[in-house]
PDB file of N, CA and C in Angstrom:
ATOM      1  N   MET A   1       5.059  26.816 -11.059  1.00  0.00           N
ATOM      2  CA  MET A   1       4.466  25.519 -11.340  1.00  0.00           C
ATOM      3  C   MET A   1       5.608  24.521 -11.492  1.00  0.00           C
ATOM      4  N   GLY A   2       5.516  23.405 -10.770  1.00  0.00           N
ATOM      5  CA  GLY A   2       6.569  22.402 -10.790  1.00  0.00           C
ATOM      6  C   GLY A   2       6.375  21.385 -11.894  1.00  0.00           C
ATOM      7  N   ALA A   3       7.186  20.357 -11.842  1.00  0.00           N
ATOM      8  CA  ALA A   3       7.143  19.287 -12.843  1.00  0.00           C
ATOM      9  C   ALA A   3       5.833  18.504 -12.781  1.00  0.00           C
ATOM     10  N   ARG A   4       5.092  18.638 -11.702  1.00  0.00           N
ATOM     11  CA  ARG A   4       3.837  17.902 -11.549  1.00  0.00           C
ATOM     12  C   ARG A   4       2.697  18.522 -12.355  1.00  0.00           C
ATOM     13  N   GLY A   5       2.900  19.731 -12.872  1.00  0.00           N
ATOM     14  CA  GLY A   5       1.870  20.366 -13.669  1.00  0.00           C
ATOM     15  C   GLY A   5       0.925  21.244 -12.884  1.00  0.00           C
ATOM     16  N   ALA A   6       1.002  21.235 -11.580  1.00  0.00           N
ATOM     17  CA  ALA A   6       0.147  22.070 -10.748  1.00  0.00           C
ATOM     18  C   ALA A   6       0.951  22.552  -9.553  1.00  0.00           C
ATOM     19  N   PRO A   7       0.678  23.768  -9.099  1.00  0.00           N
ATOM     20  CA  PRO A   7       1.419  24.260  -7.934  1.00  0.00           C
ATOM     21  C   PRO A   7       0.954  23.545  -6.662  1.00  0.00           C
ATOM     22  N   LEU A   8       1.773  22.665  -6.170  1.00  0.00           N
ATOM     23  CA  LEU A   8       1.463  21.924  -4.957  1.00  0.00           C
ATOM     24  C   LEU A   8       2.581  22.119  -3.949  1.00  0.00           C
ATOM     25  N   PRO A   9       2.248  22.234  -2.693  1.00  0.00           N
ATOM     26  CA  PRO A   9       3.311  22.369  -1.691  1.00  0.00           C
ATOM     27  C   PRO A   9       4.063  21.053  -1.537  1.00  0.00           C
ATOM     28  N   ASP A  10       5.329  21.158  -1.229  1.00  0.00           N
ATOM     29  CA  ASP A  10       6.116  19.952  -0.959  1.00  0.00           C
ATOM     30  C   ASP A  10       5.844  19.524   0.474  1.00  0.00           C
ATOM     31  N   ILE A  11       5.118  18.437   0.611  1.00  0.00           N
ATOM     32  CA  ILE A  11       4.732  17.932   1.928  1.00  0.00           C
ATOM     33  C   ILE A  11       5.243  16.508   2.062  1.00  0.00           C
ATOM     34  N   SER A  12       5.826  16.228   3.204  1.00  0.00           N
ATOM     35  CA  SER A  12       6.288  14.879   3.481  1.00  0.00           C
ATOM     36  C   SER A  12       5.386  14.262   4.538  1.00  0.00           C
ATOM     37  N   PRO A  13       4.939  13.030   4.314  1.00  0.00           N
ATOM     38  CA  PRO A  13       4.120  12.387   5.346  1.00  0.00           C
ATOM     39  C   PRO A  13       4.907  12.129   6.622  1.00  0.00           C
ATOM     40  N   TYR A  14       6.226  12.216   6.540  1.00  0.00           N
ATOM     41  CA  TYR A  14       7.056  12.023   7.728  1.00  0.00           C
ATOM     42  C   TYR A  14       7.033  13.253   8.622  1.00  0.00           C
ATOM     43  N   ASP A  15       6.592  14.394   8.074  1.00  0.00           N
ATOM     44  CA  ASP A  15       6.506  15.643   8.832  1.00  0.00           C
ATOM     45  C   ASP A  15       5.108  15.912   9.364  1.00  0.00           C
ATOM     46  N   VAL A  16       4.161  15.080   8.987  1.00  0.00           N
ATOM     47  CA  VAL A  16       2.762  15.301   9.362  1.00  0.00           C
ATOM     48  C   VAL A  16       2.303  14.143  10.242  1.00  0.00           C
ATOM     49  N   PRO A  17       2.172  14.390  11.552  1.00  0.00           N
ATOM     50  CA  PRO A  17       1.753  13.302  12.447  1.00  0.00           C
ATOM     51  C   PRO A  17       0.430  12.656  12.037  1.00  0.00           C
ATOM     52  N   ALA A  18      -0.445  13.416  11.416  1.00  0.00           N
ATOM     53  CA  ALA A  18      -1.733  12.855  11.002  1.00  0.00           C
ATOM     54  C   ALA A  18      -1.560  11.758   9.956  1.00  0.00           C
ATOM     55  N   ALA A  19      -0.476  11.796   9.183  1.00  0.00           N
ATOM     56  CA  ALA A  19      -0.244  10.767   8.164  1.00  0.00           C
ATOM     57  C   ALA A  19      -0.017   9.410   8.813  1.00  0.00           C
ATOM     58  N   LEU A  20       0.741   9.377   9.894  1.00  0.00           N
ATOM     59  CA  LEU A  20       0.965   8.111  10.606  1.00  0.00           C
ATOM     60  C   LEU A  20      -0.329   7.607  11.232  1.00  0.00           C
ATOM     61  N   TRP A  21      -1.104   8.531  11.794  1.00  0.00           N
ATOM     62  CA  TRP A  21      -2.395   8.154  12.367  1.00  0.00           C
ATOM     63  C   TRP A  21      -3.300   7.584  11.280  1.00  0.00           C
ATOM     64  N   ALA A  22      -3.366   8.261  10.135  1.00  0.00           N
ATOM     65  CA  ALA A  22      -4.223   7.811   9.039  1.00  0.00           C
ATOM     66  C   ALA A  22      -3.788   6.437   8.528  1.00  0.00           C
ATOM     67  N   GLN A  23      -2.477   6.213   8.444  1.00  0.00           N
ATOM     68  CA  GLN A  23      -1.993   4.908   7.993  1.00  0.00           C
ATOM     69  C   GLN A  23      -2.366   3.813   8.996  1.00  0.00           C
ATOM     70  N   ARG A  24      -2.240   4.106  10.289  1.00  0.00           N
ATOM     71  CA  ARG A  24      -2.643   3.129  11.313  1.00  0.00           C
ATOM     72  C   ARG A  24      -4.148   2.853  11.225  1.00  0.00           C
ATOM     73  N   ARG A  25      -4.918   3.916  11.003  1.00  0.00           N
ATOM     74  CA  ARG A  25      -6.372   3.767  10.906  1.00  0.00           C
ATOM     75  C   ARG A  25      -6.755   2.939   9.675  1.00  0.00           C
ATOM     76  N   LEU A  26      -6.065   3.178   8.563  1.00  0.00           N
ATOM     77  CA  LEU A  26      -6.330   2.389   7.358  1.00  0.00           C
ATOM     78  C   LEU A  26      -6.015   0.919   7.607  1.00  0.00           C
ATOM     79  N   ARG A  27      -4.908   0.634   8.319  1.00  0.00           N
ATOM     80  CA  ARG A  27      -4.569  -0.750   8.666  1.00  0.00           C
ATOM     81  C   ARG A  27      -5.688  -1.374   9.502  1.00  0.00           C
ATOM     82  N   GLU A  28      -6.171  -0.634  10.497  1.00  0.00           N
ATOM     83  CA  GLU A  28      -7.264  -1.145  11.328  1.00  0.00           C
ATOM     84  C   GLU A  28      -8.494  -1.472  10.493  1.00  0.00           C
ATOM     85  N   LEU A  29      -8.841  -0.584   9.564  1.00  0.00           N
ATOM     86  CA  LEU A  29     -10.001  -0.818   8.710  1.00  0.00           C
ATOM     87  C   LEU A  29      -9.807  -2.047   7.832  1.00  0.00           C
ATOM     88  N   ILE A  30      -8.629  -2.189   7.264  1.00  0.00           N
ATOM     89  CA  ILE A  30      -8.340  -3.357   6.426  1.00  0.00           C
ATOM     90  C   ILE A  30      -8.473  -4.634   7.248  1.00  0.00           C
ATOM     91  N   GLU A  31      -7.860  -4.628   8.430  1.00  0.00           N
ATOM     92  CA  GLU A  31      -7.835  -5.841   9.254  1.00  0.00           C
ATOM     93  C   GLU A  31      -9.198  -6.181   9.849  1.00  0.00           C
ATOM     94  N   THR A  32     -10.029  -5.168  10.110  1.00  0.00           N
ATOM     95  CA  THR A  32     -11.327  -5.454  10.734  1.00  0.00           C
ATOM     96  C   THR A  32     -12.461  -5.612   9.729  1.00  0.00           C
ATOM     97  N   GLN A  33     -12.348  -5.008   8.559  1.00  0.00           N
ATOM     98  CA  GLN A  33     -13.452  -5.010   7.615  1.00  0.00           C
ATOM     99  C   GLN A  33     -13.272  -5.961   6.432  1.00  0.00           C
ATOM    100  N   ILE A  34     -12.037  -6.380   6.175  1.00  0.00           N
ATOM    101  CA  ILE A  34     -11.766  -7.262   5.035  1.00  0.00           C
ATOM    102  C   ILE A  34     -11.120  -8.540   5.548  1.00  0.00           C
ATOM    103  N   ASP A  35     -11.708  -9.656   5.255  1.00  0.00           N
ATOM    104  CA  ASP A  35     -11.133 -10.943   5.650  1.00  0.00           C
ATOM    105  C   ASP A  35     -10.200 -11.402   4.527  1.00  0.00           C
ATOM    106  N   LEU A  36      -8.938 -10.948   4.594  1.00  0.00           N
ATOM    107  CA  LEU A  36      -7.973 -11.280   3.541  1.00  0.00           C
ATOM    108  C   LEU A  36      -7.711 -12.779   3.475  1.00  0.00           C
ATOM    109  N   ARG A  37      -7.765 -13.445   4.602  1.00  0.00           N
ATOM    110  CA  ARG A  37      -7.572 -14.899   4.610  1.00  0.00           C
ATOM    111  C   ARG A  37      -8.660 -15.578   3.785  1.00  0.00           C
ATOM    112  N   LEU A  38      -9.900 -15.154   3.977  1.00  0.00           N
ATOM    113  CA  LEU A  38     -11.006 -15.709   3.201  1.00  0.00           C
ATOM    114  C   LEU A  38     -10.856 -15.340   1.722  1.00  0.00           C
ATOM    115  N   CYS A  39     -10.454 -14.112   1.441  1.00  0.00           N
ATOM    116  CA  CYS A  39     -10.232 -13.712   0.043  1.00  0.00           C
ATOM    117  C   CYS A  39      -9.198 -14.620  -0.617  1.00  0.00           C
ATOM    118  N   ARG A  40      -8.121 -14.900   0.100  1.00  0.00           N
ATOM    119  CA  ARG A  40      -7.066 -15.757  -0.461  1.00  0.00           C
ATOM    120  C   ARG A  40      -7.575 -17.181  -0.681  1.00  0.00           C
ATOM    121  N   GLN A  41      -8.392 -17.669   0.227  1.00  0.00           N
ATOM    122  CA  GLN A  41      -8.929 -19.027   0.099  1.00  0.00           C
ATOM    123  C   GLN A  41      -9.889 -19.141  -1.077  1.00  0.00           C
ATOM    124  N   GLU A  42     -10.603 -18.075  -1.376  1.00  0.00           N
ATOM    125  CA  GLU A  42     -11.610 -18.098  -2.433  1.00  0.00           C
ATOM    126  C   GLU A  42     -11.007 -18.009  -3.831  1.00  0.00           C
ATOM    127  N   MET A  43      -9.736 -17.712  -3.944  1.00  0.00           N
ATOM    128  CA  MET A  43      -9.115 -17.598  -5.254  1.00  0.00           C
ATOM    129  C   MET A  43      -8.874 -18.989  -5.834  1.00  0.00           C
ATOM    130  N   THR A  44      -9.527 -19.274  -6.927  1.00  0.00           N
ATOM    131  CA  THR A  44      -9.373 -20.559  -7.609  1.00  0.00           C
ATOM    132  C   THR A  44      -9.198 -20.293  -9.098  1.00  0.00           C
ATOM    133  N   ALA A  45      -8.990 -21.327  -9.854  1.00  0.00           N
ATOM    134  CA  ALA A  45      -8.811 -21.176 -11.299  1.00  0.00           C
ATOM    135  C   ALA A  45     -10.061 -20.590 -11.959  1.00  0.00           C
ATOM    136  N   GLU A  46     -11.226 -20.805 -11.366  1.00  0.00           N
ATOM    137  CA  GLU A  46     -12.470 -20.309 -11.945  1.00  0.00           C
ATOM    138  C   GLU A  46     -12.746 -18.848 -11.602  1.00  0.00           C
ATOM    139  N   ARG A  47     -12.041 -18.315 -10.633  1.00  0.00           N
ATOM    140  CA  ARG A  47     -12.291 -16.940 -10.192  1.00  0.00           C
ATOM    141  C   ARG A  47     -11.101 -16.053 -10.552  1.00  0.00           C
ATOM    142  N   PRO A  48     -11.353 -14.770 -10.678  1.00  0.00           N
ATOM    143  CA  PRO A  48     -10.241 -13.862 -10.996  1.00  0.00           C
ATOM    144  C   PRO A  48      -9.217 -13.815  -9.864  1.00  0.00           C
ATOM    145  N   ARG A  49      -7.987 -13.512 -10.245  1.00  0.00           N
ATOM    146  CA  ARG A  49      -6.942 -13.378  -9.242  1.00  0.00           C
ATOM    147  C   ARG A  49      -7.065 -12.030  -8.541  1.00  0.00           C
ATOM    148  N   LEU A  50      -6.659 -12.004  -7.308  1.00  0.00           N
ATOM    149  CA  LEU A  50      -6.589 -10.766  -6.546  1.00  0.00           C
ATOM    150  C   LEU A  50      -5.160 -10.268  -6.663  1.00  0.00           C
ATOM    151  N   VAL A  51      -4.966  -9.041  -7.167  1.00  0.00           N
ATOM    152  CA  VAL A  51      -3.635  -8.504  -7.415  1.00  0.00           C
ATOM    153  C   VAL A  51      -3.525  -7.116  -6.796  1.00  0.00           C
ATOM    154  N   VAL A  52      -2.430  -6.876  -6.078  1.00  0.00           N
ATOM    155  CA  VAL A  52      -2.127  -5.567  -5.509  1.00  0.00           C
ATOM    156  C   VAL A  52      -0.717  -5.218  -5.945  1.00  0.00           C
ATOM    157  N   GLY A  53      -0.497  -3.971  -6.340  1.00  0.00           N
ATOM    158  CA  GLY A  53       0.821  -3.551  -6.791  1.00  0.00           C
ATOM    159  C   GLY A  53       1.403  -2.455  -5.912  1.00  0.00           C
ATOM    160  N   ALA A  54       2.737  -2.434  -5.838  1.00  0.00           N
ATOM    161  CA  ALA A  54       3.453  -1.407  -5.085  1.00  0.00           C
ATOM    162  C   ALA A  54       4.835  -1.239  -5.705  1.00  0.00           C
ATOM    163  N   VAL A  55       5.435  -0.086  -5.474  1.00  0.00           N
ATOM    164  CA  VAL A  55       6.766   0.196  -6.002  1.00  0.00           C
ATOM    165  C   VAL A  55       7.794   0.018  -4.900  1.00  0.00           C
ATOM    166  N   ASN A  56       8.830  -0.775  -5.190  1.00  0.00           N
ATOM    167  CA  ASN A  56       9.938  -0.971  -4.270  1.00  0.00           C
ATOM    168  C   ASN A  56      10.771   0.309  -4.286  1.00  0.00           C
ATOM    169  N   VAL A  57      10.875   0.968  -3.137  1.00  0.00           N
ATOM    170  CA  VAL A  57      11.556   2.264  -3.052  1.00  0.00           C
ATOM    171  C   VAL A  57      13.037   2.156  -3.365  1.00  0.00           C
ATOM    172  N   THR A  58      13.667   1.071  -2.982  1.00  0.00           N
ATOM    173  CA  THR A  58      15.120   0.973  -3.144  1.00  0.00           C
ATOM    174  C   THR A  58      15.572   0.772  -4.577  1.00  0.00           C
ATOM    175  N   ASP A  59      14.741   0.111  -5.409  1.00  0.00           N
ATOM    176  CA  ASP A  59      15.172  -0.102  -6.804  1.00  0.00           C
ATOM    177  C   ASP A  59      14.206   0.458  -7.837  1.00  0.00           C
ATOM    178  N   GLY A  60      13.079   1.020  -7.392  1.00  0.00           N
ATOM    179  CA  GLY A  60      12.128   1.630  -8.311  1.00  0.00           C
ATOM    180  C   GLY A  60      11.307   0.652  -9.121  1.00  0.00           C
ATOM    181  N   GLU A  61      11.409  -0.628  -8.803  1.00  0.00           N
ATOM    182  CA  GLU A  61      10.680  -1.658  -9.551  1.00  0.00           C
ATOM    183  C   GLU A  61       9.253  -1.801  -9.034  1.00  0.00           C
ATOM    184  N   PHE A  62       8.317  -1.936  -9.973  1.00  0.00           N
ATOM    185  CA  PHE A  62       6.927  -2.211  -9.624  1.00  0.00           C
ATOM    186  C   PHE A  62       6.803  -3.693  -9.327  1.00  0.00           C
ATOM    187  N   GLU A  63       6.209  -4.020  -8.207  1.00  0.00           N
ATOM    188  CA  GLU A  63       6.026  -5.415  -7.830  1.00  0.00           C
ATOM    189  C   GLU A  63       4.543  -5.696  -7.640  1.00  0.00           C
ATOM    190  N   THR A  64       4.148  -6.893  -7.978  1.00  0.00           N
ATOM    191  CA  THR A  64       2.757  -7.289  -7.769  1.00  0.00           C
ATOM    192  C   THR A  64       2.699  -8.392  -6.726  1.00  0.00           C
ATOM    193  N   PHE A  65       1.654  -8.334  -5.948  1.00  0.00           N
ATOM    194  CA  PHE A  65       1.393  -9.348  -4.931  1.00  0.00           C
ATOM    195  C   PHE A  65       0.082  -9.995  -5.329  1.00  0.00           C
ATOM    196  N   VAL A  66       0.088 -11.314  -5.404  1.00  0.00           N
ATOM    197  CA  VAL A  66      -1.052 -12.052  -5.935  1.00  0.00           C
ATOM    198  C   VAL A  66      -1.575 -13.022  -4.891  1.00  0.00           C
ATOM    199  N   ASN A  67      -2.895 -13.097  -4.818  1.00  0.00           N
ATOM    200  CA  ASN A  67      -3.613 -14.052  -3.981  1.00  0.00           C
ATOM    201  C   ASN A  67      -3.007 -14.219  -2.588  1.00  0.00           C
ATOM    202  N   GLU A  68      -2.277 -15.286  -2.339  1.00  0.00           N
ATOM    203  CA  GLU A  68      -1.793 -15.598  -0.991  1.00  0.00           C
ATOM    204  C   GLU A  68      -0.754 -14.608  -0.477  1.00  0.00           C
ATOM    205  N   GLU A  69      -0.161 -13.814  -1.342  1.00  0.00           N
ATOM    206  CA  GLU A  69       0.833 -12.826  -0.920  1.00  0.00           C
ATOM    207  C   GLU A  69       0.185 -11.554  -0.381  1.00  0.00           C
ATOM    208  N   ILE A  70      -1.107 -11.409  -0.577  1.00  0.00           N
ATOM    209  CA  ILE A  70      -1.769 -10.164  -0.193  1.00  0.00           C
ATOM    210  C   ILE A  70      -2.085 -10.178   1.297  1.00  0.00           C
ATOM    211  N   THR A  71      -1.528  -9.177   1.958  1.00  0.00           N
ATOM    212  CA  THR A  71      -1.729  -8.967   3.387  1.00  0.00           C
ATOM    213  C   THR A  71      -2.110  -7.505   3.585  1.00  0.00           C
ATOM    214  N   ALA A  72      -2.400  -7.135   4.818  1.00  0.00           N
ATOM    215  CA  ALA A  72      -2.666  -5.721   5.116  1.00  0.00           C
ATOM    216  C   ALA A  72      -1.450  -4.882   4.733  1.00  0.00           C
ATOM    217  N   ASP A  73      -0.235  -5.413   4.953  1.00  0.00           N
ATOM    218  CA  ASP A  73       0.970  -4.679   4.579  1.00  0.00           C
ATOM    219  C   ASP A  73       1.049  -4.441   3.075  1.00  0.00           C
ATOM    220  N   ALA A  74       0.666  -5.420   2.273  1.00  0.00           N
ATOM    221  CA  ALA A  74       0.684  -5.258   0.815  1.00  0.00           C
ATOM    222  C   ALA A  74      -0.294  -4.168   0.387  1.00  0.00           C
ATOM    223  N   VAL A  75      -1.473  -4.144   0.999  1.00  0.00           N
ATOM    224  CA  VAL A  75      -2.461  -3.110   0.671  1.00  0.00           C
ATOM    225  C   VAL A  75      -1.952  -1.742   1.107  1.00  0.00           C
ATOM    226  N   LEU A  76      -1.359  -1.661   2.296  1.00  0.00           N
ATOM    227  CA  LEU A  76      -0.798  -0.387   2.765  1.00  0.00           C
ATOM    228  C   LEU A  76       0.349   0.077   1.875  1.00  0.00           C
ATOM    229  N   ALA A  77       1.173  -0.852   1.428  1.00  0.00           N
ATOM    230  CA  ALA A  77       2.276  -0.491   0.533  1.00  0.00           C
ATOM    231  C   ALA A  77       1.731   0.080  -0.767  1.00  0.00           C
ATOM    232  N   SER A  78       0.656  -0.489  -1.246  1.00  0.00           N
ATOM    233  CA  SER A  78       0.028   0.001  -2.465  1.00  0.00           C
ATOM    234  C   SER A  78      -0.535   1.405  -2.264  1.00  0.00           C
ATOM    235  N   ALA A  79      -0.973   1.704  -1.050  1.00  0.00           N
ATOM    236  CA  ALA A  79      -1.561   3.012  -0.742  1.00  0.00           C
ATOM    237  C   ALA A  79      -0.529   4.042  -0.296  1.00  0.00           C
ATOM    238  N   ALA A  80       0.731   3.662  -0.224  1.00  0.00           N
ATOM    239  CA  ALA A  80       1.771   4.565   0.297  1.00  0.00           C
ATOM    240  C   ALA A  80       2.188   5.602  -0.754  1.00  0.00           C
ATOM    241  N   VAL A  81       1.247   6.439  -1.147  1.00  0.00           N
ATOM    242  CA  VAL A  81       1.534   7.540  -2.065  1.00  0.00           C
ATOM    243  C   VAL A  81       2.476   8.495  -1.338  1.00  0.00           C
ATOM    244  N   PRO A  82       3.597   8.870  -1.944  1.00  0.00           N
ATOM    245  CA  PRO A  82       4.639   9.628  -1.239  1.00  0.00           C
ATOM    246  C   PRO A  82       4.178  10.847  -0.449  1.00  0.00           C
ATOM    247  N   THR A  83       3.198  11.602  -0.914  1.00  0.00           N
ATOM    248  CA  THR A  83       2.782  12.782  -0.158  1.00  0.00           C
ATOM    249  C   THR A  83       1.663  12.502   0.841  1.00  0.00           C
ATOM    250  N   LEU A  84       1.176  11.250   0.881  1.00  0.00           N
ATOM    251  CA  LEU A  84       0.077  10.921   1.786  1.00  0.00           C
ATOM    252  C   LEU A  84       0.478  10.039   2.953  1.00  0.00           C
ATOM    253  N   PHE A  85       1.166   8.934   2.653  1.00  0.00           N
ATOM    254  CA  PHE A  85       1.516   7.966   3.685  1.00  0.00           C
ATOM    255  C   PHE A  85       3.012   7.668   3.649  1.00  0.00           C
ATOM    256  N   PRO A  86       3.585   7.337   4.805  1.00  0.00           N
ATOM    257  CA  PRO A  86       4.985   6.897   4.815  1.00  0.00           C
ATOM    258  C   PRO A  86       5.138   5.554   4.101  1.00  0.00           C
ATOM    259  N   ALA A  87       6.353   5.251   3.715  1.00  0.00           N
ATOM    260  CA  ALA A  87       6.651   3.962   3.083  1.00  0.00           C
ATOM    261  C   ALA A  87       6.360   2.833   4.070  1.00  0.00           C
ATOM    262  N   VAL A  88       6.109   1.654   3.526  1.00  0.00           N
ATOM    263  CA  VAL A  88       5.789   0.472   4.328  1.00  0.00           C
ATOM    264  C   VAL A  88       6.892  -0.549   4.116  1.00  0.00           C
ATOM    265  N   LYS A  89       7.414  -1.072   5.220  1.00  0.00           N
ATOM    266  CA  LYS A  89       8.458  -2.081   5.131  1.00  0.00           C
ATOM    267  C   LYS A  89       7.844  -3.451   5.420  1.00  0.00           C
ATOM    268  N   PHE A  90       8.019  -4.367   4.471  1.00  0.00           N
ATOM    269  CA  PHE A  90       7.621  -5.759   4.687  1.00  0.00           C
ATOM    270  C   PHE A  90       8.310  -6.638   3.668  1.00  0.00           C
ATOM    271  N   VAL A  91       8.337  -7.902   3.929  1.00  0.00           N
ATOM    272  CA  VAL A  91       9.046  -8.925   3.156  1.00  0.00           C
ATOM    273  C   VAL A  91      10.451  -8.459   2.772  1.00  0.00           C
ATOM    274  N   GLY A  92      11.100  -7.772   3.699  1.00  0.00           N
ATOM    275  CA  GLY A  92      12.497  -7.361   3.496  1.00  0.00           C
ATOM    276  C   GLY A  92      12.715  -6.182   2.568  1.00  0.00           C
ATOM    277  N   ASN A  93      11.651  -5.519   2.130  1.00  0.00           N
ATOM    278  CA  ASN A  93      11.773  -4.377   1.236  1.00  0.00           C
ATOM    279  C   ASN A  93      10.957  -3.188   1.758  1.00  0.00           C
ATOM    280  N   ILE A  94      11.184  -2.050   1.148  1.00  0.00           N
ATOM    281  CA  ILE A  94      10.442  -0.843   1.497  1.00  0.00           C
ATOM    282  C   ILE A  94       9.619  -0.432   0.285  1.00  0.00           C
ATOM    283  N   TYR A  95       8.319  -0.247   0.479  1.00  0.00           N
ATOM    284  CA  TYR A  95       7.412   0.101  -0.613  1.00  0.00           C
ATOM    285  C   TYR A  95       6.740   1.428  -0.331  1.00  0.00           C
TER     286      TYR A  95
END
């Protein structure tokens, strides 16, 4: 049993071609099913903010993307769990 508390195999999404396919498919779903531009336009002082978080791989810092900063890349970066999806590079950083 490893530090994770459960016996899990060490799997890298970089070794599993299906991980890249799944990440591309998730991007397609985000871009076709969610109108992020409309979501960003609808954010006003009277409505809650839209917030997505991701960890910057190079410095380990948690970063948040708010309202107009949220793109398909920000959502993918948030979903880039190390054993599921490869890291996402955008706005000059890797998440």
